């Protein structure tokens, strides 16, 4: 599509430049506007942005899941004599 547009623009520029010109102000203005239009079309056709660079993503990393957290609970410990009475302290037990 870009090459066809460029060829048409060059053909139009050649056709406009070889046409006989007169000194009337309307013809000069038409020539200027036509030249600017052709230049804009040619510039847009030629100045295409470069293709985006090829970016390779790193390979996926497979990581083992973390070990499960230890399951803990509170329970009553062995009885302890504190000099006044028997007490059953609370202790934490983790699996």
PDB file of N, CA and C in Angstrom:
ATOM      1  N   UNK A   1       0.831  -1.184   0.000  1.00  0.00           N
ATOM      2  CA  UNK A   1       0.000   0.000   0.000  1.00  0.00           C
ATOM      3  C   UNK A   1       0.873   1.245   0.000  1.00  0.00           C
ATOM      4  N   UNK A   2       1.952   1.241   0.781  1.00  0.00           N
ATOM      5  CA  UNK A   2       2.829   2.395   0.873  1.00  0.00           C
ATOM      6  C   UNK A   2       3.552   2.663  -0.435  1.00  0.00           C
ATOM      7  N   UNK A   3       3.960   1.596  -1.128  1.00  0.00           N
ATOM      8  CA  UNK A   3       4.676   1.784  -2.400  1.00  0.00           C
ATOM      9  C   UNK A   3       3.740   2.316  -3.483  1.00  0.00           C
ATOM     10  N   UNK A   4       2.512   1.841  -3.490  1.00  0.00           N
ATOM     11  CA  UNK A   4       1.549   2.333  -4.484  1.00  0.00           C
ATOM     12  C   UNK A   4       1.288   3.819  -4.249  1.00  0.00           C
ATOM     13  N   UNK A   5       1.139   4.208  -2.991  1.00  0.00           N
ATOM     14  CA  UNK A   5       0.920   5.606  -2.657  1.00  0.00           C
ATOM     15  C   UNK A   5       2.127   6.452  -3.049  1.00  0.00           C
ATOM     16  N   UNK A   6       3.320   5.931  -2.851  1.00  0.00           N
ATOM     17  CA  UNK A   6       4.523   6.669  -3.194  1.00  0.00           C
ATOM     18  C   UNK A   6       4.630   6.831  -4.718  1.00  0.00           C
ATOM     19  N   UNK A   7       4.331   5.786  -5.455  1.00  0.00           N
ATOM     20  CA  UNK A   7       4.390   5.873  -6.922  1.00  0.00           C
ATOM     21  C   UNK A   7       3.369   6.878  -7.442  1.00  0.00           C
ATOM     22  N   UNK A   8       2.159   6.855  -6.866  1.00  0.00           N
ATOM     23  CA  UNK A   8       1.132   7.823  -7.287  1.00  0.00           C
ATOM     24  C   UNK A   8       1.556   9.249  -6.952  1.00  0.00           C
ATOM     25  N   UNK A   9       2.180   9.431  -5.782  1.00  0.00           N
ATOM     26  CA  UNK A   9       2.646  10.757  -5.395  1.00  0.00           C
ATOM     27  C   UNK A   9       3.738  11.270  -6.310  1.00  0.00           C
ATOM     28  N   UNK A  10       4.674  10.410  -6.671  1.00  0.00           N
ATOM     29  CA  UNK A  10       5.750  10.818  -7.585  1.00  0.00           C
ATOM     30  C   UNK A  10       5.169  11.151  -8.958  1.00  0.00           C
ATOM     31  N   UNK A  11       4.211  10.345  -9.428  1.00  0.00           N
ATOM     32  CA  UNK A  11       3.590  10.620 -10.729  1.00  0.00           C
ATOM     33  C   UNK A  11       2.849  11.953 -10.693  1.00  0.00           C
ATOM     34  N   UNK A  12       2.164  12.242  -9.590  1.00  0.00           N
ATOM     35  CA  UNK A  12       1.449  13.517  -9.481  1.00  0.00           C
ATOM     36  C   UNK A  12       2.425  14.684  -9.411  1.00  0.00           C
ATOM     37  N   UNK A  13       3.549  14.500  -8.718  1.00  0.00           N
ATOM     38  CA  UNK A  13       4.548  15.568  -8.635  1.00  0.00           C
ATOM     39  C   UNK A  13       5.158  15.855 -10.007  1.00  0.00           C
ATOM     40  N   UNK A  14       5.436  14.825 -10.749  1.00  0.00           N
ATOM     41  CA  UNK A  14       5.999  15.024 -12.096  1.00  0.00           C
ATOM     42  C   UNK A  14       4.969  15.700 -12.997  1.00  0.00           C
ATOM     43  N   UNK A  15       3.718  15.267 -12.890  1.00  0.00           N
ATOM     44  CA  UNK A  15       2.670  15.859 -13.729  1.00  0.00           C
ATOM     45  C   UNK A  15       2.465  17.338 -13.383  1.00  0.00           C
ATOM     46  N   UNK A  16       2.536  17.677 -12.102  1.00  0.00           N
ATOM     47  CA  UNK A  16       2.348  19.072 -11.690  1.00  0.00           C
ATOM     48  C   UNK A  16       3.536  19.943 -12.101  1.00  0.00           C
ATOM     49  N   UNK A  17       4.713  19.366 -12.065  1.00  0.00           N
ATOM     50  CA  UNK A  17       5.891  20.180 -12.383  1.00  0.00           C
ATOM     51  C   UNK A  17       6.047  20.413 -13.881  1.00  0.00           C
ATOM     52  N   UNK A  18       5.514  19.536 -14.693  1.00  0.00           N
ATOM     53  CA  UNK A  18       5.671  19.704 -16.141  1.00  0.00           C
ATOM     54  C   UNK A  18       4.509  20.478 -16.765  1.00  0.00           C
ATOM     55  N   UNK A  19       3.476  20.768 -16.002  1.00  0.00           N
ATOM     56  CA  UNK A  19       2.347  21.523 -16.553  1.00  0.00           C
ATOM     57  C   UNK A  19       2.779  22.969 -16.807  1.00  0.00           C
ATOM     58  N   UNK A  20       2.283  23.593 -17.856  1.00  0.00           N
ATOM     59  CA  UNK A  20       2.659  24.986 -18.135  1.00  0.00           C
ATOM     60  C   UNK A  20       2.109  25.914 -17.054  1.00  0.00           C
ATOM     61  N   UNK A  21       2.926  26.823 -16.592  1.00  0.00           N
ATOM     62  CA  UNK A  21       2.521  27.729 -15.519  1.00  0.00           C
ATOM     63  C   UNK A  21       2.315  29.121 -16.079  1.00  0.00           C
ATOM     64  N   UNK A  22       1.316  29.807 -15.568  1.00  0.00           N
ATOM     65  CA  UNK A  22       1.083  31.189 -15.961  1.00  0.00           C
ATOM     66  C   UNK A  22       1.339  32.071 -14.743  1.00  0.00           C
ATOM     67  N   UNK A  23       1.362  33.349 -14.930  1.00  0.00           N
ATOM     68  CA  UNK A  23       1.738  34.282 -13.871  1.00  0.00           C
ATOM     69  C   UNK A  23       0.544  34.736 -13.048  1.00  0.00           C
ATOM     70  N   UNK A  24      -0.610  34.175 -13.271  1.00  0.00           N
ATOM     71  CA  UNK A  24      -1.766  34.591 -12.477  1.00  0.00           C
ATOM     72  C   UNK A  24      -1.607  34.100 -11.046  1.00  0.00           C
ATOM     73  N   UNK A  25      -2.094  34.893 -10.097  1.00  0.00           N
ATOM     74  CA  UNK A  25      -1.892  34.567  -8.687  1.00  0.00           C
ATOM     75  C   UNK A  25      -2.668  33.311  -8.274  1.00  0.00           C
ATOM     76  N   UNK A  26      -3.807  33.043  -8.873  1.00  0.00           N
ATOM     77  CA  UNK A  26      -4.584  31.850  -8.542  1.00  0.00           C
ATOM     78  C   UNK A  26      -3.853  30.578  -8.929  1.00  0.00           C
ATOM     79  N   UNK A  27      -3.161  30.619 -10.074  1.00  0.00           N
ATOM     80  CA  UNK A  27      -2.423  29.426 -10.503  1.00  0.00           C
ATOM     81  C   UNK A  27      -1.209  29.178  -9.605  1.00  0.00           C
ATOM     82  N   UNK A  28      -0.574  30.261  -9.184  1.00  0.00           N
ATOM     83  CA  UNK A  28       0.592  30.103  -8.313  1.00  0.00           C
ATOM     84  C   UNK A  28       0.161  29.525  -6.967  1.00  0.00           C
ATOM     85  N   UNK A  29      -0.939  30.017  -6.421  1.00  0.00           N
ATOM     86  CA  UNK A  29      -1.432  29.503  -5.146  1.00  0.00           C
ATOM     87  C   UNK A  29      -1.838  28.040  -5.277  1.00  0.00           C
ATOM     88  N   UNK A  30      -2.472  27.681  -6.369  1.00  0.00           N
ATOM     89  CA  UNK A  30      -2.860  26.287  -6.589  1.00  0.00           C
ATOM     90  C   UNK A  30      -1.624  25.405  -6.698  1.00  0.00           C
ATOM     91  N   UNK A  31      -0.596  25.907  -7.337  1.00  0.00           N
ATOM     92  CA  UNK A  31       0.648  25.144  -7.455  1.00  0.00           C
ATOM     93  C   UNK A  31       1.317  24.939  -6.098  1.00  0.00           C
ATOM     94  N   UNK A  32       1.304  25.995  -5.280  1.00  0.00           N
ATOM     95  CA  UNK A  32       1.900  25.873  -3.950  1.00  0.00           C
ATOM     96  C   UNK A  32       1.128  24.883  -3.085  1.00  0.00           C
ATOM     97  N   UNK A  33      -0.183  25.001  -3.121  1.00  0.00           N
ATOM     98  CA  UNK A  33      -0.999  24.083  -2.315  1.00  0.00           C
ATOM     99  C   UNK A  33      -0.834  22.643  -2.806  1.00  0.00           C
ATOM    100  N   UNK A  34      -0.827  22.471  -4.126  1.00  0.00           N
ATOM    101  CA  UNK A  34      -0.631  21.131  -4.691  1.00  0.00           C
ATOM    102  C   UNK A  34       0.740  20.567  -4.331  1.00  0.00           C
ATOM    103  N   UNK A  35       1.781  21.423  -4.397  1.00  0.00           N
ATOM    104  CA  UNK A  35       3.129  20.969  -4.045  1.00  0.00           C
ATOM    105  C   UNK A  35       3.233  20.582  -2.582  1.00  0.00           C
ATOM    106  N   UNK A  36       2.596  21.383  -1.708  1.00  0.00           N
ATOM    107  CA  UNK A  36       2.602  21.027  -0.289  1.00  0.00           C
ATOM    108  C   UNK A  36       1.853  19.723  -0.029  1.00  0.00           C
ATOM    109  N   UNK A  37       0.745  19.519  -0.729  1.00  0.00           N
ATOM    110  CA  UNK A  37      -0.024  18.282  -0.554  1.00  0.00           C
ATOM    111  C   UNK A  37       0.785  17.072  -1.011  1.00  0.00           C
ATOM    112  N   UNK A  38       1.425  17.207  -2.178  1.00  0.00           N
ATOM    113  CA  UNK A  38       2.231  16.086  -2.694  1.00  0.00           C
ATOM    114  C   UNK A  38       3.417  15.825  -1.770  1.00  0.00           C
ATOM    115  N   UNK A  39       4.054  16.878  -1.278  1.00  0.00           N
ATOM    116  CA  UNK A  39       5.171  16.692  -0.355  1.00  0.00           C
ATOM    117  C   UNK A  39       4.745  16.015   0.936  1.00  0.00           C
ATOM    118  N   UNK A  40       3.572  16.370   1.417  1.00  0.00           N
ATOM    119  CA  UNK A  40       3.058  15.741   2.636  1.00  0.00           C
ATOM    120  C   UNK A  40       2.779  14.265   2.409  1.00  0.00           C
ATOM    121  N   UNK A  41       2.182  13.952   1.275  1.00  0.00           N
ATOM    122  CA  UNK A  41       1.878  12.547   0.965  1.00  0.00           C
ATOM    123  C   UNK A  41       3.161  11.744   0.814  1.00  0.00           C
ATOM    124  N   UNK A  42       4.143  12.292   0.109  1.00  0.00           N
ATOM    125  CA  UNK A  42       5.404  11.575  -0.065  1.00  0.00           C
ATOM    126  C   UNK A  42       6.140  11.420   1.268  1.00  0.00           C
ATOM    127  N   UNK A  43       6.151  12.467   2.063  1.00  0.00           N
ATOM    128  CA  UNK A  43       6.817  12.378   3.350  1.00  0.00           C
ATOM    129  C   UNK A  43       6.180  11.349   4.267  1.00  0.00           C
ATOM    130  N   UNK A  44       4.853  11.283   4.258  1.00  0.00           N
ATOM    131  CA  UNK A  44       4.154  10.298   5.088  1.00  0.00           C
ATOM    132  C   UNK A  44       4.409   8.880   4.599  1.00  0.00           C
ATOM    133  N   UNK A  45       4.528   8.704   3.275  1.00  0.00           N
ATOM    134  CA  UNK A  45       4.762   7.369   2.726  1.00  0.00           C
ATOM    135  C   UNK A  45       6.184   6.898   3.011  1.00  0.00           C
ATOM    136  N   UNK A  46       7.140   7.799   2.975  1.00  0.00           N
ATOM    137  CA  UNK A  46       8.535   7.412   3.164  1.00  0.00           C
ATOM    138  C   UNK A  46       8.868   7.240   4.645  1.00  0.00           C
ATOM    139  N   UNK A  47       8.337   8.082   5.492  1.00  0.00           N
ATOM    140  CA  UNK A  47       8.714   8.098   6.909  1.00  0.00           C
ATOM    141  C   UNK A  47       7.867   7.137   7.737  1.00  0.00           C
ATOM    142  N   UNK A  48       7.824   5.879   7.381  1.00  0.00           N
ATOM    143  CA  UNK A  48       7.133   4.878   8.182  1.00  0.00           C
ATOM    144  C   UNK A  48       7.982   4.557   9.402  1.00  0.00           C
ATOM    145  N   UNK A  49       7.367   4.330  10.549  1.00  0.00           N
ATOM    146  CA  UNK A  49       8.163   3.997  11.743  1.00  0.00           C
ATOM    147  C   UNK A  49       8.824   2.635  11.561  1.00  0.00           C
ATOM    148  N   UNK A  50       9.996   2.449  12.143  1.00  0.00           N
ATOM    149  CA  UNK A  50      10.654   1.147  12.024  1.00  0.00           C
ATOM    150  C   UNK A  50       9.859   0.078  12.760  1.00  0.00           C
ATOM    151  N   UNK A  51      10.019  -1.165  12.373  1.00  0.00           N
ATOM    152  CA  UNK A  51       9.287  -2.218  13.086  1.00  0.00           C
ATOM    153  C   UNK A  51       9.763  -2.302  14.532  1.00  0.00           C
ATOM    154  N   UNK A  52       8.893  -2.689  15.428  1.00  0.00           N
ATOM    155  CA  UNK A  52       9.296  -2.769  16.833  1.00  0.00           C
ATOM    156  C   UNK A  52      10.372  -3.834  17.016  1.00  0.00           C
ATOM    157  N   UNK A  53      11.282  -3.633  17.955  1.00  0.00           N
ATOM    158  CA  UNK A  53      12.332  -4.633  18.170  1.00  0.00           C
ATOM    159  C   UNK A  53      11.738  -5.922  18.718  1.00  0.00           C
ATOM    160  N   UNK A  54      12.392  -7.009  18.391  1.00  0.00           N
ATOM    161  CA  UNK A  54      11.941  -8.310  18.869  1.00  0.00           C
ATOM    162  C   UNK A  54      12.447  -8.480  20.293  1.00  0.00           C
ATOM    163  N   UNK A  55      11.524  -8.676  21.201  1.00  0.00           N
ATOM    164  CA  UNK A  55      11.879  -8.831  22.613  1.00  0.00           C
ATOM    165  C   UNK A  55      11.532 -10.256  23.024  1.00  0.00           C
ATOM    166  N   UNK A  56      12.540 -10.954  23.494  1.00  0.00           N
ATOM    167  CA  UNK A  56      12.323 -12.319  23.951  1.00  0.00           C
ATOM    168  C   UNK A  56      12.109 -12.309  25.459  1.00  0.00           C
ATOM    169  N   UNK A  57      11.057 -12.958  25.889  1.00  0.00           N
ATOM    170  CA  UNK A  57      10.789 -13.050  27.311  1.00  0.00           C
ATOM    171  C   UNK A  57      11.625 -14.183  27.895  1.00  0.00           C
ATOM    172  N   UNK A  58      12.025 -14.040  29.145  1.00  0.00           N
ATOM    173  CA  UNK A  58      12.801 -15.131  29.748  1.00  0.00           C
ATOM    174  C   UNK A  58      11.942 -16.381  29.918  1.00  0.00           C
ATOM    175  N   UNK A  59      12.627 -17.498  29.979  1.00  0.00           N
ATOM    176  CA  UNK A  59      11.915 -18.756  30.162  1.00  0.00           C
ATOM    177  C   UNK A  59      11.230 -18.760  31.523  1.00  0.00           C
ATOM    178  N   UNK A  60      10.079 -19.400  31.625  1.00  0.00           N
ATOM    179  CA  UNK A  60       9.396 -19.420  32.927  1.00  0.00           C
ATOM    180  C   UNK A  60      10.203 -20.217  33.953  1.00  0.00           C
ATOM    181  N   UNK A  61      10.143 -19.774  35.164  1.00  0.00           N
ATOM    182  CA  UNK A  61      10.847 -20.438  36.253  1.00  0.00           C
ATOM    183  C   UNK A  61       9.807 -21.155  37.101  1.00  0.00           C
ATOM    184  N   UNK A  62      10.025 -22.425  37.253  1.00  0.00           N
ATOM    185  CA  UNK A  62       9.091 -23.221  38.039  1.00  0.00           C
ATOM    186  C   UNK A  62       9.675 -23.393  39.436  1.00  0.00           C
ATOM    187  N   UNK A  63       8.966 -22.894  40.420  1.00  0.00           N
ATOM    188  CA  UNK A  63       9.436 -22.918  41.798  1.00  0.00           C
ATOM    189  C   UNK A  63       8.509 -23.819  42.602  1.00  0.00           C
ATOM    190  N   UNK A  64       9.130 -24.633  43.439  1.00  0.00           N
ATOM    191  CA  UNK A  64       8.328 -25.503  44.293  1.00  0.00           C
ATOM    192  C   UNK A  64       7.564 -24.650  45.296  1.00  0.00           C
ATOM    193  N   UNK A  65       6.355 -25.040  45.618  1.00  0.00           N
ATOM    194  CA  UNK A  65       5.591 -24.248  46.596  1.00  0.00           C
ATOM    195  C   UNK A  65       6.267 -24.325  47.961  1.00  0.00           C
ATOM    196  N   UNK A  66       6.105 -23.314  48.772  1.00  0.00           N
ATOM    197  CA  UNK A  66       6.722 -23.344  50.102  1.00  0.00           C
ATOM    198  C   UNK A  66       6.100 -24.441  50.954  1.00  0.00           C
ATOM    199  N   UNK A  67       6.860 -24.946  51.909  1.00  0.00           N
ATOM    200  CA  UNK A  67       6.289 -26.001  52.758  1.00  0.00           C
ATOM    201  C   UNK A  67       5.146 -25.435  53.593  1.00  0.00           C
ATOM    202  N   UNK A  68       4.198 -26.262  53.933  1.00  0.00           N
ATOM    203  CA  UNK A  68       3.066 -25.754  54.722  1.00  0.00           C
ATOM    204  C   UNK A  68       3.534 -25.290  56.101  1.00  0.00           C
ATOM    205  N   UNK A  69       2.867 -24.308  56.610  1.00  0.00           N
ATOM    206  CA  UNK A  69       3.193 -23.787  57.938  1.00  0.00           C
ATOM    207  C   UNK A  69       2.852 -24.844  58.986  1.00  0.00           C
ATOM    208  N   UNK A  70       3.631 -24.893  60.051  1.00  0.00           N
ATOM    209  CA  UNK A  70       3.322 -25.901  61.082  1.00  0.00           C
ATOM    210  C   UNK A  70       1.986 -25.592  61.762  1.00  0.00           C
ATOM    211  N   UNK A  71       1.265 -26.642  62.056  1.00  0.00           N
ATOM    212  CA  UNK A  71      -0.022 -26.484  62.718  1.00  0.00           C
ATOM    213  C   UNK A  71       0.215 -26.506  64.217  1.00  0.00           C
ATOM    214  N   UNK A  72      -0.154 -25.452  64.881  1.00  0.00           N
ATOM    215  CA  UNK A  72       0.078 -25.337  66.329  1.00  0.00           C
ATOM    216  C   UNK A  72      -1.256 -25.215  67.059  1.00  0.00           C
ATOM    217  N   UNK A  73      -1.246 -25.684  68.296  1.00  0.00           N
ATOM    218  CA  UNK A  73      -2.435 -25.546  69.129  1.00  0.00           C
ATOM    219  C   UNK A  73      -1.988 -25.459  70.591  1.00  0.00           C
ATOM    220  N   UNK A  74      -2.879 -24.950  71.443  1.00  0.00           N
ATOM    221  CA  UNK A  74      -2.613 -24.819  72.877  1.00  0.00           C
ATOM    222  C   UNK A  74      -3.328 -25.940  73.609  1.00  0.00           C
ATOM    223  N   UNK A  75      -2.641 -26.484  74.621  1.00  0.00           N
ATOM    224  CA  UNK A  75      -3.239 -27.538  75.438  1.00  0.00           C
ATOM    225  C   UNK A  75      -2.728 -27.407  76.880  1.00  0.00           C
ATOM    226  N   UNK A  76      -3.282 -28.227  77.771  1.00  0.00           N
ATOM    227  CA  UNK A  76      -2.838 -28.210  79.170  1.00  0.00           C
ATOM    228  C   UNK A  76      -1.620 -29.109  79.307  1.00  0.00           C
ATOM    229  N   UNK A  77      -0.610 -28.591  80.009  1.00  0.00           N
ATOM    230  CA  UNK A  77       0.598 -29.376  80.246  1.00  0.00           C
ATOM    231  C   UNK A  77       0.462 -30.269  81.470  1.00  0.00           C
ATOM    232  N   UNK A  78       1.584 -30.872  81.831  1.00  0.00           N
ATOM    233  CA  UNK A  78       1.591 -31.747  83.009  1.00  0.00           C
ATOM    234  C   UNK A  78       1.427 -30.903  84.275  1.00  0.00           C
ATOM    235  N   UNK A  79       0.787 -31.461  85.280  1.00  0.00           N
ATOM    236  CA  UNK A  79       0.579 -30.692  86.513  1.00  0.00           C
ATOM    237  C   UNK A  79       1.902 -30.374  87.213  1.00  0.00           C
ATOM    238  N   UNK A  80       1.925 -29.160  87.797  1.00  0.00           N
ATOM    239  CA  UNK A  80       3.126 -28.687  88.485  1.00  0.00           C
ATOM    240  C   UNK A  80       2.688 -28.157  89.849  1.00  0.00           C
ATOM    241  N   UNK A  81       3.399 -28.542  90.921  1.00  0.00           N
ATOM    242  CA  UNK A  81       3.102 -28.063  92.274  1.00  0.00           C
ATOM    243  C   UNK A  81       3.839 -26.756  92.476  1.00  0.00           C
ATOM    244  N   UNK A  82       3.123 -25.693  92.789  1.00  0.00           N
ATOM    245  CA  UNK A  82       3.762 -24.384  92.956  1.00  0.00           C
ATOM    246  C   UNK A  82       3.941 -24.029  94.431  1.00  0.00           C
ATOM    247  N   UNK A  83       3.784 -24.991  95.338  1.00  0.00           N
ATOM    248  CA  UNK A  83       3.938 -24.766  96.769  1.00  0.00           C
ATOM    249  C   UNK A  83       2.627 -24.484  97.459  1.00  0.00           C
ATOM    250  N   UNK A  84       1.607 -24.183  96.696  1.00  0.00           N
ATOM    251  CA  UNK A  84       0.300 -23.892  97.281  1.00  0.00           C
ATOM    252  C   UNK A  84      -0.759 -24.828  96.725  1.00  0.00           C
ATOM    253  N   UNK A  85      -0.654 -25.073  95.392  1.00  0.00           N
ATOM    254  CA  UNK A  85      -1.637 -25.944  94.734  1.00  0.00           C
ATOM    255  C   UNK A  85      -1.025 -26.520  93.464  1.00  0.00           C
ATOM    256  N   UNK A  86      -1.755 -27.482  92.884  1.00  0.00           N
ATOM    257  CA  UNK A  86      -1.326 -28.050  91.601  1.00  0.00           C
ATOM    258  C   UNK A  86      -1.836 -27.157  90.483  1.00  0.00           C
ATOM    259  N   UNK A  87      -0.935 -26.848  89.570  1.00  0.00           N
ATOM    260  CA  UNK A  87      -1.307 -26.007  88.408  1.00  0.00           C
ATOM    261  C   UNK A  87      -1.079 -26.812  87.135  1.00  0.00           C
ATOM    262  N   UNK A  88      -1.902 -26.520  86.141  1.00  0.00           N
ATOM    263  CA  UNK A  88      -1.758 -27.137  84.817  1.00  0.00           C
ATOM    264  C   UNK A  88      -1.429 -26.015  83.830  1.00  0.00           C
ATOM    265  N   UNK A  89      -0.150 -25.799  83.537  1.00  0.00           N
ATOM    266  CA  UNK A  89       0.195 -24.688  82.637  1.00  0.00           C
ATOM    267  C   UNK A  89      -0.259 -24.965  81.198  1.00  0.00           C
ATOM    268  N   UNK A  90      -0.522 -23.874  80.514  1.00  0.00           N
ATOM    269  CA  UNK A  90      -0.878 -24.013  79.089  1.00  0.00           C
ATOM    270  C   UNK A  90       0.398 -24.059  78.283  1.00  0.00           C
ATOM    271  N   UNK A  91       0.482 -25.002  77.344  1.00  0.00           N
ATOM    272  CA  UNK A  91       1.672 -25.120  76.502  1.00  0.00           C
ATOM    273  C   UNK A  91       1.226 -25.132  75.044  1.00  0.00           C
ATOM    274  N   UNK A  92       2.116 -24.691  74.192  1.00  0.00           N
ATOM    275  CA  UNK A  92       1.819 -24.691  72.748  1.00  0.00           C
ATOM    276  C   UNK A  92       2.505 -25.897  72.134  1.00  0.00           C
ATOM    277  N   UNK A  93       1.748 -26.651  71.328  1.00  0.00           N
ATOM    278  CA  UNK A  93       2.259 -27.845  70.665  1.00  0.00           C
ATOM    279  C   UNK A  93       2.156 -27.602  69.156  1.00  0.00           C
ATOM    280  N   UNK A  94       3.275 -27.806  68.461  1.00  0.00           N
ATOM    281  CA  UNK A  94       3.296 -27.644  67.003  1.00  0.00           C
ATOM    282  C   UNK A  94       3.619 -28.983  66.350  1.00  0.00           C
ATOM    283  N   UNK A  95       2.923 -29.296  65.282  1.00  0.00           N
ATOM    284  CA  UNK A  95       3.183 -30.556  64.550  1.00  0.00           C
ATOM    285  C   UNK A  95       4.387 -30.410  63.665  1.00  0.00           C
TER     286      UNK A  95
END
